[in-house]
């Protein structure tokens, strides 16, 4: 998220109690996510599997893709992608994702609009799941890459929220998400950039490269947030789900990550990991 406002106390389910739920959920889920990243292996794979399956389910309900064909593919496709990449290789994961997309397109019992949205949903969730596992499996540096990814995304979220609340001002994309501001976008970039500089100083990495990487990931995070806002507006829903108390659904919490993870994976695939100079 970039800069969602504090809950409106005049609206149901908002106010201090909702804020307490949001903070409580973050305090529980944050350490759990960090633990799974640190452990890697089955712990991390199960975490991503839960997110992928839940995300597919939320897409299924949000976009009303509940017919048996495309609805089933949305649930099972991302899961089989994870099984393929963990059990075999990243290439196997890409192959299974491609098969899932083909099956969604070939589900002729569903309207074309449903099949199109199913493909978008599969790419949205499946590519991110594939990219995140790929990063964690990177020899020797997988843990660091995923921490960099989550750090950039979380700092962008925090910076956007703080700047958006304190400064406000002109809207970033009022036709898509009227609560997001240019100040919030700038705050997201600043927080991610400062975090990158601190990381570079602490690890003796190449600060300039890490800074550029953090800014790119911040932009991707904000793009992911705007994309989900556009989808929710398209289907006239407030939240993607209700799984996380005070936060909505899984997609509401990982919208930025779903865009940032493929971006970082592509950078690593093309350019390597030279920005981590202490390796």
C-alpha atoms as a PDB file:
ATOM      1  CA  UNK A   1       0.000   0.000   0.000  1.00  0.00           C
ATOM      2  CA  UNK A   2       1.174   3.542  -0.619  1.00  0.00           C
ATOM      3  CA  UNK A   3      -0.692   5.839   1.721  1.00  0.00           C
ATOM      4  CA  UNK A   4      -4.046   4.585   2.828  1.00  0.00           C
ATOM      5  CA  UNK A   5      -5.706   6.996   5.219  1.00  0.00           C
ATOM      6  CA  UNK A   6      -6.535   6.270   8.812  1.00  0.00           C
ATOM      7  CA  UNK A   7      -9.961   4.666   9.095  1.00  0.00           C
ATOM      8  CA  UNK A   8     -12.934   7.002   8.987  1.00  0.00           C
ATOM      9  CA  UNK A   9     -14.641   6.716  12.386  1.00  0.00           C
ATOM     10  CA  UNK A  10     -18.014   7.392  10.746  1.00  0.00           C
ATOM     11  CA  UNK A  11     -17.779   4.179   8.739  1.00  0.00           C
ATOM     12  CA  UNK A  12     -18.647   0.708  10.046  1.00  0.00           C
ATOM     13  CA  UNK A  13     -15.703  -1.422  11.067  1.00  0.00           C
ATOM     14  CA  UNK A  14     -13.336   1.540  11.287  1.00  0.00           C
ATOM     15  CA  UNK A  15     -11.893   3.772  13.972  1.00  0.00           C
ATOM     16  CA  UNK A  16      -9.515   2.912  16.830  1.00  0.00           C
ATOM     17  CA  UNK A  17     -10.648  -0.713  17.079  1.00  0.00           C
ATOM     18  CA  UNK A  18      -9.821  -1.288  13.411  1.00  0.00           C
ATOM     19  CA  UNK A  19      -6.429   0.394  13.820  1.00  0.00           C
ATOM     20  CA  UNK A  20      -5.697  -1.875  16.797  1.00  0.00           C
ATOM     21  CA  UNK A  21      -6.578  -4.888  14.641  1.00  0.00           C
ATOM     22  CA  UNK A  22      -4.235  -3.667  11.903  1.00  0.00           C
ATOM     23  CA  UNK A  23      -1.336  -3.177  14.328  1.00  0.00           C
ATOM     24  CA  UNK A  24      -2.004  -6.502  16.060  1.00  0.00           C
ATOM     25  CA  UNK A  25      -2.090  -8.390  12.761  1.00  0.00           C
ATOM     26  CA  UNK A  26       1.173  -6.755  11.660  1.00  0.00           C
ATOM     27  CA  UNK A  27       2.875  -7.640  14.952  1.00  0.00           C
ATOM     28  CA  UNK A  28       1.888 -11.273  14.533  1.00  0.00           C
ATOM     29  CA  UNK A  29       2.465 -11.707  10.810  1.00  0.00           C
ATOM     30  CA  UNK A  30       5.659  -9.630  10.477  1.00  0.00           C
ATOM     31  CA  UNK A  31       7.876 -11.837  12.674  1.00  0.00           C
ATOM     32  CA  UNK A  32       6.349 -14.967  11.150  1.00  0.00           C
ATOM     33  CA  UNK A  33       7.225 -13.807   7.634  1.00  0.00           C
ATOM     34  CA  UNK A  34      10.773 -12.872   8.693  1.00  0.00           C
ATOM     35  CA  UNK A  35      11.199 -16.275  10.347  1.00  0.00           C
ATOM     36  CA  UNK A  36      10.099 -18.093   7.174  1.00  0.00           C
ATOM     37  CA  UNK A  37      12.464 -16.002   5.051  1.00  0.00           C
ATOM     38  CA  UNK A  38      15.342 -16.784   7.405  1.00  0.00           C
ATOM     39  CA  UNK A  39      14.623 -20.523   7.483  1.00  0.00           C
ATOM     40  CA  UNK A  40      14.018 -20.880   3.753  1.00  0.00           C
ATOM     41  CA  UNK A  41      13.327 -24.363   2.429  1.00  0.00           C
ATOM     42  CA  UNK A  42       9.948 -25.852   3.289  1.00  0.00           C
ATOM     43  CA  UNK A  43       9.099 -23.014   5.687  1.00  0.00           C
ATOM     44  CA  UNK A  44       9.372 -20.364   3.013  1.00  0.00           C
ATOM     45  CA  UNK A  45       7.765 -22.525   0.326  1.00  0.00           C
ATOM     46  CA  UNK A  46       4.733 -23.129   2.575  1.00  0.00           C
ATOM     47  CA  UNK A  47       4.439 -19.406   3.290  1.00  0.00           C
ATOM     48  CA  UNK A  48       4.423 -18.548  -0.412  1.00  0.00           C
ATOM     49  CA  UNK A  49       2.047 -21.451  -1.129  1.00  0.00           C
ATOM     50  CA  UNK A  50      -0.456 -20.093   1.399  1.00  0.00           C
ATOM     51  CA  UNK A  51      -0.214 -16.622  -0.114  1.00  0.00           C
ATOM     52  CA  UNK A  52      -0.543 -17.965  -3.672  1.00  0.00           C
ATOM     53  CA  UNK A  53      -3.539 -20.196  -2.985  1.00  0.00           C
ATOM     54  CA  UNK A  54      -5.297 -17.538  -0.895  1.00  0.00           C
ATOM     55  CA  UNK A  55      -4.513 -14.905  -3.526  1.00  0.00           C
ATOM     56  CA  UNK A  56      -5.940 -17.091  -6.267  1.00  0.00           C
ATOM     57  CA  UNK A  57      -9.046 -17.644  -4.172  1.00  0.00           C
ATOM     58  CA  UNK A  58      -9.481 -13.912  -3.629  1.00  0.00           C
ATOM     59  CA  UNK A  59      -9.106 -13.255  -7.358  1.00  0.00           C
ATOM     60  CA  UNK A  60     -11.704 -15.971  -7.969  1.00  0.00           C
ATOM     61  CA  UNK A  61     -14.237 -14.295  -5.698  1.00  0.00           C
ATOM     62  CA  UNK A  62     -13.348 -10.673  -6.478  1.00  0.00           C
ATOM     63  CA  UNK A  63     -13.585 -11.101 -10.259  1.00  0.00           C
ATOM     64  CA  UNK A  64     -16.524 -13.531  -9.958  1.00  0.00           C
ATOM     65  CA  UNK A  65     -14.582 -16.330 -11.642  1.00  0.00           C
ATOM     66  CA  UNK A  66     -16.332 -19.050  -9.673  1.00  0.00           C
ATOM     67  CA  UNK A  67     -17.247 -21.363 -12.521  1.00  0.00           C
ATOM     68  CA  UNK A  68     -15.664 -24.777 -12.140  1.00  0.00           C
ATOM     69  CA  UNK A  69     -13.097 -24.467 -14.960  1.00  0.00           C
ATOM     70  CA  UNK A  70     -11.307 -21.147 -14.514  1.00  0.00           C
ATOM     71  CA  UNK A  71     -12.117 -21.046 -10.800  1.00  0.00           C
ATOM     72  CA  UNK A  72     -10.293 -24.315 -10.168  1.00  0.00           C
ATOM     73  CA  UNK A  73      -7.305 -23.272 -12.270  1.00  0.00           C
ATOM     74  CA  UNK A  74      -6.966 -20.046 -10.276  1.00  0.00           C
ATOM     75  CA  UNK A  75      -6.661 -22.038  -7.054  1.00  0.00           C
ATOM     76  CA  UNK A  76      -4.477 -24.898  -8.262  1.00  0.00           C
ATOM     77  CA  UNK A  77      -2.319 -23.192 -10.916  1.00  0.00           C
ATOM     78  CA  UNK A  78      -0.107 -21.115  -8.589  1.00  0.00           C
ATOM     79  CA  UNK A  79       0.210 -24.065  -6.199  1.00  0.00           C
ATOM     80  CA  UNK A  80       1.466 -26.398  -8.925  1.00  0.00           C
ATOM     81  CA  UNK A  81       3.877 -23.687 -10.088  1.00  0.00           C
ATOM     82  CA  UNK A  82       5.407 -23.662  -6.600  1.00  0.00           C
ATOM     83  CA  UNK A  83       5.580 -27.437  -6.444  1.00  0.00           C
ATOM     84  CA  UNK A  84       7.342 -27.506  -9.817  1.00  0.00           C
ATOM     85  CA  UNK A  85       9.958 -24.890  -8.959  1.00  0.00           C
ATOM     86  CA  UNK A  86      10.712 -26.319  -5.499  1.00  0.00           C
ATOM     87  CA  UNK A  87      10.676 -29.938  -6.641  1.00  0.00           C
ATOM     88  CA  UNK A  88      12.443 -29.445  -9.957  1.00  0.00           C
ATOM     89  CA  UNK A  89      13.693 -26.061 -11.182  1.00  0.00           C
ATOM     90  CA  UNK A  90      12.643 -22.490 -12.028  1.00  0.00           C
ATOM     91  CA  UNK A  91      12.276 -23.582 -15.652  1.00  0.00           C
ATOM     92  CA  UNK A  92       9.763 -26.226 -14.563  1.00  0.00           C
ATOM     93  CA  UNK A  93       7.820 -23.551 -12.700  1.00  0.00           C
ATOM     94  CA  UNK A  94       7.672 -21.383 -15.817  1.00  0.00           C
ATOM     95  CA  UNK A  95       6.482 -24.372 -17.842  1.00  0.00           C
ATOM     96  CA  UNK A  96       3.681 -25.171 -15.373  1.00  0.00           C
ATOM     97  CA  UNK A  97       2.604 -21.517 -15.300  1.00  0.00           C
ATOM     98  CA  UNK A  98       2.432 -21.535 -19.101  1.00  0.00           C
ATOM     99  CA  UNK A  99       0.329 -24.719 -18.997  1.00  0.00           C
ATOM    100  CA  UNK A 100      -2.011 -23.112 -16.438  1.00  0.00           C
ATOM    101  CA  UNK A 101      -2.488 -20.083 -18.682  1.00  0.00           C
ATOM    102  CA  UNK A 102      -3.177 -22.331 -21.680  1.00  0.00           C
ATOM    103  CA  UNK A 103      -5.779 -24.285 -19.695  1.00  0.00           C
ATOM    104  CA  UNK A 104      -7.458 -21.047 -18.590  1.00  0.00           C
ATOM    105  CA  UNK A 105      -7.661 -19.873 -22.202  1.00  0.00           C
ATOM    106  CA  UNK A 106      -8.921 -23.271 -23.338  1.00  0.00           C
ATOM    107  CA  UNK A 107     -11.756 -23.437 -20.811  1.00  0.00           C
ATOM    108  CA  UNK A 108     -14.367 -22.851 -23.482  1.00  0.00           C
ATOM    109  CA  UNK A 109     -17.239 -23.451 -21.073  1.00  0.00           C
ATOM    110  CA  UNK A 110     -16.430 -20.062 -19.522  1.00  0.00           C
ATOM    111  CA  UNK A 111     -17.055 -16.701 -21.217  1.00  0.00           C
ATOM    112  CA  UNK A 112     -14.080 -15.031 -22.888  1.00  0.00           C
ATOM    113  CA  UNK A 113     -14.106 -12.220 -20.318  1.00  0.00           C
ATOM    114  CA  UNK A 114     -13.745 -14.767 -17.500  1.00  0.00           C
ATOM    115  CA  UNK A 115     -10.889 -16.536 -19.272  1.00  0.00           C
ATOM    116  CA  UNK A 116      -9.115 -13.215 -19.879  1.00  0.00           C
ATOM    117  CA  UNK A 117      -9.353 -12.217 -16.224  1.00  0.00           C
ATOM    118  CA  UNK A 118      -8.233 -15.699 -15.175  1.00  0.00           C
ATOM    119  CA  UNK A 119      -5.055 -15.279 -17.245  1.00  0.00           C
ATOM    120  CA  UNK A 120      -4.425 -11.859 -15.696  1.00  0.00           C
ATOM    121  CA  UNK A 121      -4.925 -13.344 -12.228  1.00  0.00           C
ATOM    122  CA  UNK A 122      -2.597 -16.270 -12.939  1.00  0.00           C
ATOM    123  CA  UNK A 123       0.122 -13.940 -14.172  1.00  0.00           C
ATOM    124  CA  UNK A 124      -0.412 -11.602 -11.223  1.00  0.00           C
ATOM    125  CA  UNK A 125      -0.076 -14.313  -8.564  1.00  0.00           C
ATOM    126  CA  UNK A 126       1.907 -16.988 -10.384  1.00  0.00           C
ATOM    127  CA  UNK A 127       4.750 -14.800 -11.622  1.00  0.00           C
ATOM    128  CA  UNK A 128       5.245 -13.318  -8.158  1.00  0.00           C
ATOM    129  CA  UNK A 129       5.260 -16.744  -6.501  1.00  0.00           C
ATOM    130  CA  UNK A 130       7.721 -18.019  -9.095  1.00  0.00           C
ATOM    131  CA  UNK A 131       9.969 -14.968  -8.717  1.00  0.00           C
ATOM    132  CA  UNK A 132       9.998 -15.040  -4.919  1.00  0.00           C
ATOM    133  CA  UNK A 133      10.956 -18.707  -4.710  1.00  0.00           C
ATOM    134  CA  UNK A 134      13.562 -18.189  -7.444  1.00  0.00           C
ATOM    135  CA  UNK A 135      15.155 -15.382  -5.416  1.00  0.00           C
ATOM    136  CA  UNK A 136      15.182 -17.434  -2.208  1.00  0.00           C
ATOM    137  CA  UNK A 137      16.813 -20.364  -4.030  1.00  0.00           C
ATOM    138  CA  UNK A 138      19.683 -18.204  -5.315  1.00  0.00           C
ATOM    139  CA  UNK A 139      22.861 -19.920  -4.048  1.00  0.00           C
ATOM    140  CA  UNK A 140      24.381 -18.284  -0.932  1.00  0.00           C
ATOM    141  CA  UNK A 141      22.511 -15.010  -1.442  1.00  0.00           C
ATOM    142  CA  UNK A 142      18.876 -16.095  -1.520  1.00  0.00           C
ATOM    143  CA  UNK A 143      18.092 -14.987   2.012  1.00  0.00           C
ATOM    144  CA  UNK A 144      19.674 -11.566   1.454  1.00  0.00           C
ATOM    145  CA  UNK A 145      17.822 -11.011  -1.813  1.00  0.00           C
ATOM    146  CA  UNK A 146      14.446 -11.757  -0.244  1.00  0.00           C
ATOM    147  CA  UNK A 147      15.221  -9.531   2.749  1.00  0.00           C
ATOM    148  CA  UNK A 148      16.135  -6.733   0.307  1.00  0.00           C
ATOM    149  CA  UNK A 149      12.872  -7.312  -1.546  1.00  0.00           C
ATOM    150  CA  UNK A 150      10.671  -7.263   1.541  1.00  0.00           C
ATOM    151  CA  UNK A 151      12.615  -4.375   3.052  1.00  0.00           C
ATOM    152  CA  UNK A 152      12.107  -2.189  -0.016  1.00  0.00           C
ATOM    153  CA  UNK A 153       8.410  -3.040  -0.208  1.00  0.00           C
ATOM    154  CA  UNK A 154       7.732  -2.496   3.496  1.00  0.00           C
ATOM    155  CA  UNK A 155       9.685   0.772   3.614  1.00  0.00           C
ATOM    156  CA  UNK A 156       7.788   2.009   0.568  1.00  0.00           C
ATOM    157  CA  UNK A 157       4.503   1.184   2.257  1.00  0.00           C
ATOM    158  CA  UNK A 158       5.502   2.919   5.479  1.00  0.00           C
ATOM    159  CA  UNK A 159       6.973   5.966   3.753  1.00  0.00           C
ATOM    160  CA  UNK A 160       3.924   6.354   1.537  1.00  0.00           C
ATOM    161  CA  UNK A 161       1.552   6.111   4.472  1.00  0.00           C
ATOM    162  CA  UNK A 162       3.482   8.573   6.652  1.00  0.00           C
ATOM    163  CA  UNK A 163       4.032  11.183   3.944  1.00  0.00           C
ATOM    164  CA  UNK A 164       0.498  10.829   2.638  1.00  0.00           C
ATOM    165  CA  UNK A 165      -0.970  11.382   6.087  1.00  0.00           C
ATOM    166  CA  UNK A 166       1.330  14.214   7.157  1.00  0.00           C
ATOM    167  CA  UNK A 167       1.565  16.145   3.885  1.00  0.00           C
ATOM    168  CA  UNK A 168      -1.396  15.164   1.733  1.00  0.00           C
ATOM    169  CA  UNK A 169      -1.818  17.449  -1.260  1.00  0.00           C
ATOM    170  CA  UNK A 170      -2.416  16.610  -4.934  1.00  0.00           C
ATOM    171  CA  UNK A 171      -3.667  13.149  -5.768  1.00  0.00           C
ATOM    172  CA  UNK A 172      -1.451  10.639  -7.542  1.00  0.00           C
ATOM    173  CA  UNK A 173      -4.144   8.885  -9.568  1.00  0.00           C
ATOM    174  CA  UNK A 174      -7.600  10.062  -8.459  1.00  0.00           C
ATOM    175  CA  UNK A 175      -9.375   8.045 -11.132  1.00  0.00           C
ATOM    176  CA  UNK A 176      -7.870   4.822  -9.771  1.00  0.00           C
ATOM    177  CA  UNK A 177      -7.290   5.404  -6.068  1.00  0.00           C
ATOM    178  CA  UNK A 178      -8.464   8.758  -4.694  1.00  0.00           C
ATOM    179  CA  UNK A 179      -6.631   8.331  -1.363  1.00  0.00           C
ATOM    180  CA  UNK A 180      -3.125   8.189  -2.816  1.00  0.00           C
ATOM    181  CA  UNK A 181      -1.137  11.401  -3.134  1.00  0.00           C
ATOM    182  CA  UNK A 182       2.005  12.607  -4.864  1.00  0.00           C
ATOM    183  CA  UNK A 183       3.454  13.281  -1.417  1.00  0.00           C
ATOM    184  CA  UNK A 184       2.822   9.667  -0.477  1.00  0.00           C
ATOM    185  CA  UNK A 185       4.564   8.488  -3.626  1.00  0.00           C
ATOM    186  CA  UNK A 186       7.552  10.688  -2.839  1.00  0.00           C
ATOM    187  CA  UNK A 187       7.612   9.463   0.755  1.00  0.00           C
ATOM    188  CA  UNK A 188       7.702   5.865  -0.459  1.00  0.00           C
ATOM    189  CA  UNK A 189      10.751   6.641  -2.607  1.00  0.00           C
ATOM    190  CA  UNK A 190      12.513   8.514   0.201  1.00  0.00           C
ATOM    191  CA  UNK A 191      12.009   5.783   2.803  1.00  0.00           C
ATOM    192  CA  UNK A 192      13.127   3.060   0.395  1.00  0.00           C
ATOM    193  CA  UNK A 193      16.142   5.136  -0.645  1.00  0.00           C
ATOM    194  CA  UNK A 194      17.221   5.883   2.930  1.00  0.00           C
ATOM    195  CA  UNK A 195      16.847   2.217   3.809  1.00  0.00           C
ATOM    196  CA  UNK A 196      19.064   1.309   0.863  1.00  0.00           C
ATOM    197  CA  UNK A 197      21.770   3.742   1.954  1.00  0.00           C
ATOM    198  CA  UNK A 198      21.692   2.377   5.507  1.00  0.00           C
ATOM    199  CA  UNK A 199      21.877  -1.171   4.168  1.00  0.00           C
ATOM    200  CA  UNK A 200      24.799  -0.259   1.921  1.00  0.00           C
ATOM    201  CA  UNK A 201      26.700   1.335   4.807  1.00  0.00           C
ATOM    202  CA  UNK A 202      26.102  -1.606   7.140  1.00  0.00           C
ATOM    203  CA  UNK A 203      27.075  -4.312   4.662  1.00  0.00           C
ATOM    204  CA  UNK A 204      29.718  -2.487   2.611  1.00  0.00           C
ATOM    205  CA  UNK A 205      27.637  -3.157  -0.504  1.00  0.00           C
ATOM    206  CA  UNK A 206      27.705  -0.831  -3.492  1.00  0.00           C
ATOM    207  CA  UNK A 207      25.495   1.934  -2.106  1.00  0.00           C
ATOM    208  CA  UNK A 208      24.746   3.566  -5.456  1.00  0.00           C
ATOM    209  CA  UNK A 209      23.576   0.294  -7.011  1.00  0.00           C
ATOM    210  CA  UNK A 210      21.524  -0.657  -3.961  1.00  0.00           C
ATOM    211  CA  UNK A 211      19.955   2.820  -3.975  1.00  0.00           C
ATOM    212  CA  UNK A 212      18.915   2.537  -7.621  1.00  0.00           C
ATOM    213  CA  UNK A 213      17.575  -0.949  -6.960  1.00  0.00           C
ATOM    214  CA  UNK A 214      15.536   0.263  -3.978  1.00  0.00           C
ATOM    215  CA  UNK A 215      14.018   3.108  -5.991  1.00  0.00           C
ATOM    216  CA  UNK A 216      13.104   0.746  -8.827  1.00  0.00           C
ATOM    217  CA  UNK A 217      11.475  -1.647  -6.353  1.00  0.00           C
ATOM    218  CA  UNK A 218       9.618   1.248  -4.723  1.00  0.00           C
ATOM    219  CA  UNK A 219       8.184   2.283  -8.096  1.00  0.00           C
ATOM    220  CA  UNK A 220       7.191  -1.337  -8.758  1.00  0.00           C
ATOM    221  CA  UNK A 221       5.577  -1.536  -5.323  1.00  0.00           C
ATOM    222  CA  UNK A 222       3.498   1.556  -6.002  1.00  0.00           C
ATOM    223  CA  UNK A 223       2.537   0.236  -9.435  1.00  0.00           C
ATOM    224  CA  UNK A 224       1.344  -2.993  -7.832  1.00  0.00           C
ATOM    225  CA  UNK A 225      -0.732  -1.046  -5.333  1.00  0.00           C
ATOM    226  CA  UNK A 226      -2.331   1.043  -8.080  1.00  0.00           C
ATOM    227  CA  UNK A 227      -3.013  -2.061 -10.165  1.00  0.00           C
ATOM    228  CA  UNK A 228      -4.935  -3.727  -7.350  1.00  0.00           C
ATOM    229  CA  UNK A 229      -6.821  -0.493  -6.666  1.00  0.00           C
ATOM    230  CA  UNK A 230      -7.822  -0.417 -10.334  1.00  0.00           C
ATOM    231  CA  UNK A 231      -8.976  -4.042 -10.230  1.00  0.00           C
ATOM    232  CA  UNK A 232     -11.028  -3.489  -7.076  1.00  0.00           C
ATOM    233  CA  UNK A 233     -12.612  -0.391  -8.592  1.00  0.00           C
ATOM    234  CA  UNK A 234     -13.305  -2.360 -11.769  1.00  0.00           C
ATOM    235  CA  UNK A 235     -15.219  -5.013  -9.799  1.00  0.00           C
ATOM    236  CA  UNK A 236     -16.637  -2.578  -7.237  1.00  0.00           C
ATOM    237  CA  UNK A 237     -15.161  -4.201  -4.119  1.00  0.00           C
ATOM    238  CA  UNK A 238     -13.596  -2.471  -1.126  1.00  0.00           C
ATOM    239  CA  UNK A 239     -11.138  -5.215  -0.115  1.00  0.00           C
ATOM    240  CA  UNK A 240      -9.872  -8.299  -1.892  1.00  0.00           C
ATOM    241  CA  UNK A 241     -10.957 -10.443   1.070  1.00  0.00           C
ATOM    242  CA  UNK A 242     -11.361 -10.636   4.834  1.00  0.00           C
ATOM    243  CA  UNK A 243      -8.633 -13.082   5.802  1.00  0.00           C
ATOM    244  CA  UNK A 244      -6.409 -10.651   7.760  1.00  0.00           C
ATOM    245  CA  UNK A 245      -8.143  -8.750  10.583  1.00  0.00           C
ATOM    246  CA  UNK A 246      -7.985  -4.998  10.016  1.00  0.00           C
ATOM    247  CA  UNK A 247      -6.205  -5.356   6.676  1.00  0.00           C
ATOM    248  CA  UNK A 248      -8.667  -7.067   4.358  1.00  0.00           C
ATOM    249  CA  UNK A 249      -7.377  -9.873   2.195  1.00  0.00           C
ATOM    250  CA  UNK A 250      -4.025 -11.358   1.281  1.00  0.00           C
ATOM    251  CA  UNK A 251      -3.893  -9.377  -1.962  1.00  0.00           C
ATOM    252  CA  UNK A 252      -4.468  -6.159  -0.008  1.00  0.00           C
ATOM    253  CA  UNK A 253      -1.267  -6.830   1.937  1.00  0.00           C
ATOM    254  CA  UNK A 254       0.988  -8.130  -0.840  1.00  0.00           C
ATOM    255  CA  UNK A 255      -0.170  -6.017  -3.795  1.00  0.00           C
ATOM    256  CA  UNK A 256       3.149  -4.170  -4.009  1.00  0.00           C
ATOM    257  CA  UNK A 257       5.171  -7.345  -3.488  1.00  0.00           C
ATOM    258  CA  UNK A 258       3.395  -9.039  -6.390  1.00  0.00           C
ATOM    259  CA  UNK A 259       4.889  -6.468  -8.762  1.00  0.00           C
ATOM    260  CA  UNK A 260       8.242  -5.926  -7.032  1.00  0.00           C
ATOM    261  CA  UNK A 261       9.216  -9.618  -6.821  1.00  0.00           C
ATOM    262  CA  UNK A 262       9.197 -10.260 -10.605  1.00  0.00           C
ATOM    263  CA  UNK A 263      11.120  -7.002 -11.138  1.00  0.00           C
ATOM    264  CA  UNK A 264      13.891  -8.026  -8.738  1.00  0.00           C
ATOM    265  CA  UNK A 265      13.993 -11.561 -10.142  1.00  0.00           C
ATOM    266  CA  UNK A 266      14.389 -10.167 -13.656  1.00  0.00           C
ATOM    267  CA  UNK A 267      17.200  -7.853 -12.512  1.00  0.00           C
ATOM    268  CA  UNK A 268      19.029 -10.748 -10.846  1.00  0.00           C
ATOM    269  CA  UNK A 269      18.480 -12.987 -13.858  1.00  0.00           C
ATOM    270  CA  UNK A 270      19.838 -10.394 -16.302  1.00  0.00           C
ATOM    271  CA  UNK A 271      22.461  -8.558 -14.245  1.00  0.00           C
ATOM    272  CA  UNK A 272      23.443 -10.962 -11.488  1.00  0.00           C
ATOM    273  CA  UNK A 273      24.048  -9.970  -7.863  1.00  0.00           C
ATOM    274  CA  UNK A 274      27.076  -7.706  -8.147  1.00  0.00           C
ATOM    275  CA  UNK A 275      25.317  -5.043  -6.085  1.00  0.00           C
ATOM    276  CA  UNK A 276      26.005  -7.234  -3.049  1.00  0.00           C
ATOM    277  CA  UNK A 277      29.715  -6.562  -3.053  1.00  0.00           C
ATOM    278  CA  UNK A 278      30.496  -8.349   0.218  1.00  0.00           C
ATOM    279  CA  UNK A 279      29.597 -11.710  -1.334  1.00  0.00           C
END
